[in-house]
Amino acid sequence: MTSFYVLYVAEYILGVLLVLATLPYVKSADSLHKSMPNPMNINFDYSLIYFFFLCTSLPNFLSTFIYLHKKRAQQLYYARGRGQLKN
């Protein structure tokens, strides 16, 4: 359970770096897609969607990290034998 400290943080950082690396390509591709009609006449601004992802990912990361830390502490407490009823 201790490995999540490294793995979860690395996964979050790599995900954010991937989004930031693809953002210039999405901005350049948006100009091509705006002229193309679609059956529902809906246009998505993917750079705006990426921005919302980046804004919401940090609070989600922090809340999940705190939850996992509390669960780790709980598991360590029970592993030490303190969580069992003593007769």
C-alpha atoms as a PDB file:
ATOM      1  CA  MET A   1       0.000   0.000   0.000  1.00  0.00           C
ATOM      2  CA  THR A   2       2.944   2.324   0.406  1.00  0.00           C
ATOM      3  CA  SER A   3       3.810   2.186  -3.285  1.00  0.00           C
ATOM      4  CA  PHE A   4       0.750   4.274  -4.132  1.00  0.00           C
ATOM      5  CA  TYR A   5       2.601   7.359  -2.878  1.00  0.00           C
ATOM      6  CA  VAL A   6       4.990   7.065  -5.805  1.00  0.00           C
ATOM      7  CA  LEU A   7       2.706   5.475  -8.379  1.00  0.00           C
ATOM      8  CA  TYR A   8      -0.322   7.715  -7.902  1.00  0.00           C
ATOM      9  CA  VAL A   9       1.716  10.924  -7.970  1.00  0.00           C
ATOM     10  CA  ALA A  10       3.645   9.739 -11.045  1.00  0.00           C
ATOM     11  CA  GLU A  11       0.395   8.843 -12.824  1.00  0.00           C
ATOM     12  CA  TYR A  12      -1.085  12.269 -12.093  1.00  0.00           C
ATOM     13  CA  ILE A  13       2.015  14.162 -13.216  1.00  0.00           C
ATOM     14  CA  LEU A  14       2.319  12.121 -16.415  1.00  0.00           C
ATOM     15  CA  GLY A  15      -1.371  12.647 -17.199  1.00  0.00           C
ATOM     16  CA  VAL A  16      -1.085  16.414 -16.779  1.00  0.00           C
ATOM     17  CA  LEU A  17       2.111  16.513 -18.857  1.00  0.00           C
ATOM     18  CA  LEU A  18       0.405  14.508 -21.595  1.00  0.00           C
ATOM     19  CA  VAL A  19      -2.519  16.938 -21.713  1.00  0.00           C
ATOM     20  CA  LEU A  20      -0.171  19.925 -21.763  1.00  0.00           C
ATOM     21  CA  ALA A  21       1.934  18.357 -24.521  1.00  0.00           C
ATOM     22  CA  THR A  22      -1.076  17.711 -26.758  1.00  0.00           C
ATOM     23  CA  LEU A  23      -2.684  21.107 -26.174  1.00  0.00           C
ATOM     24  CA  PRO A  24      -0.812  22.888 -29.034  1.00  0.00           C
ATOM     25  CA  TYR A  25      -1.875  20.148 -31.472  1.00  0.00           C
ATOM     26  CA  VAL A  26      -5.479  20.429 -30.340  1.00  0.00           C
ATOM     27  CA  LYS A  27      -5.453  24.209 -30.795  1.00  0.00           C
ATOM     28  CA  SER A  28      -4.074  23.909 -34.316  1.00  0.00           C
ATOM     29  CA  ALA A  29      -6.546  21.155 -35.201  1.00  0.00           C
ATOM     30  CA  ASP A  30      -9.523  23.152 -33.879  1.00  0.00           C
ATOM     31  CA  SER A  31      -9.305  25.571 -36.794  1.00  0.00           C
ATOM     32  CA  LEU A  32      -9.719  22.653 -39.203  1.00  0.00           C
ATOM     33  CA  HIS A  33     -12.746  21.190 -37.458  1.00  0.00           C
ATOM     34  CA  LYS A  34     -14.711  24.443 -37.110  1.00  0.00           C
ATOM     35  CA  SER A  35     -15.464  24.627 -40.817  1.00  0.00           C
ATOM     36  CA  MET A  36     -16.741  21.060 -40.990  1.00  0.00           C
ATOM     37  CA  PRO A  37     -20.496  20.661 -40.392  1.00  0.00           C
ATOM     38  CA  ASN A  38     -21.811  17.724 -38.422  1.00  0.00           C
ATOM     39  CA  PRO A  39     -25.288  16.173 -38.256  1.00  0.00           C
ATOM     40  CA  MET A  40     -26.171  17.761 -34.912  1.00  0.00           C
ATOM     41  CA  ASN A  41     -24.596  21.177 -35.649  1.00  0.00           C
ATOM     42  CA  ILE A  42     -22.578  20.999 -32.432  1.00  0.00           C
ATOM     43  CA  ASN A  43     -19.035  22.255 -32.160  1.00  0.00           C
ATOM     44  CA  PHE A  44     -16.710  21.371 -29.288  1.00  0.00           C
ATOM     45  CA  ASP A  45     -13.760  23.473 -28.285  1.00  0.00           C
ATOM     46  CA  TYR A  46     -11.371  20.749 -27.169  1.00  0.00           C
ATOM     47  CA  SER A  47      -8.854  23.203 -25.761  1.00  0.00           C
ATOM     48  CA  LEU A  48     -11.586  24.393 -23.390  1.00  0.00           C
ATOM     49  CA  ILE A  49     -12.330  20.788 -22.417  1.00  0.00           C
ATOM     50  CA  TYR A  50      -8.616  20.268 -21.697  1.00  0.00           C
ATOM     51  CA  PHE A  51      -8.628  23.415 -19.572  1.00  0.00           C
ATOM     52  CA  PHE A  52     -11.585  22.139 -17.509  1.00  0.00           C
ATOM     53  CA  PHE A  53      -9.821  18.788 -17.103  1.00  0.00           C
ATOM     54  CA  LEU A  54      -6.714  20.506 -15.756  1.00  0.00           C
ATOM     55  CA  CYS A  55      -8.771  22.660 -13.378  1.00  0.00           C
ATOM     56  CA  THR A  56     -10.737  19.741 -11.959  1.00  0.00           C
ATOM     57  CA  SER A  57      -7.940  17.195 -11.839  1.00  0.00           C
ATOM     58  CA  LEU A  58      -5.991  18.833  -9.002  1.00  0.00           C
ATOM     59  CA  PRO A  59      -8.850  18.855  -6.428  1.00  0.00           C
ATOM     60  CA  ASN A  60      -9.766  15.302  -7.452  1.00  0.00           C
ATOM     61  CA  PHE A  61      -6.133  14.225  -7.103  1.00  0.00           C
ATOM     62  CA  LEU A  62      -5.841  15.779  -3.643  1.00  0.00           C
ATOM     63  CA  SER A  63      -9.074  14.299  -2.306  1.00  0.00           C
ATOM     64  CA  THR A  64      -8.212  10.832  -3.604  1.00  0.00           C
ATOM     65  CA  PHE A  65      -4.675  11.089  -2.239  1.00  0.00           C
ATOM     66  CA  ILE A  66      -5.966  12.018   1.222  1.00  0.00           C
ATOM     67  CA  TYR A  67      -8.512   9.189   1.109  1.00  0.00           C
ATOM     68  CA  LEU A  68      -5.843   6.650   0.142  1.00  0.00           C
ATOM     69  CA  HIS A  69      -3.547   7.934   2.877  1.00  0.00           C
ATOM     70  CA  LYS A  70      -6.290   7.464   5.496  1.00  0.00           C
ATOM     71  CA  LYS A  71      -7.027   3.959   4.217  1.00  0.00           C
ATOM     72  CA  ARG A  72      -3.320   3.098   4.410  1.00  0.00           C
ATOM     73  CA  ALA A  73      -3.188   4.325   8.006  1.00  0.00           C
ATOM     74  CA  GLN A  74      -6.277   2.259   8.808  1.00  0.00           C
ATOM     75  CA  GLN A  75      -4.780  -0.884   7.271  1.00  0.00           C
ATOM     76  CA  LEU A  76      -1.521  -0.390   9.155  1.00  0.00           C
ATOM     77  CA  TYR A  77      -3.485   0.049  12.373  1.00  0.00           C
ATOM     78  CA  TYR A  78      -5.282  -3.255  11.826  1.00  0.00           C
ATOM     79  CA  ALA A  79      -2.080  -5.002  10.718  1.00  0.00           C
ATOM     80  CA  ARG A  80      -0.423  -4.095  14.016  1.00  0.00           C
ATOM     81  CA  GLY A  81      -3.224  -5.903  15.844  1.00  0.00           C
ATOM     82  CA  ARG A  82      -4.705  -2.858  17.515  1.00  0.00           C
ATOM     83  CA  GLY A  83      -7.950  -3.112  15.603  1.00  0.00           C
ATOM     84  CA  GLN A  84      -8.909  -6.480  17.065  1.00  0.00           C
ATOM     85  CA  LEU A  85     -11.000  -6.965  20.146  1.00  0.00           C
ATOM     86  CA  LYS A  86      -9.007  -8.361  23.037  1.00  0.00           C
ATOM     87  CA  ASN A  87     -10.594 -10.904  25.361  1.00  0.00           C
END
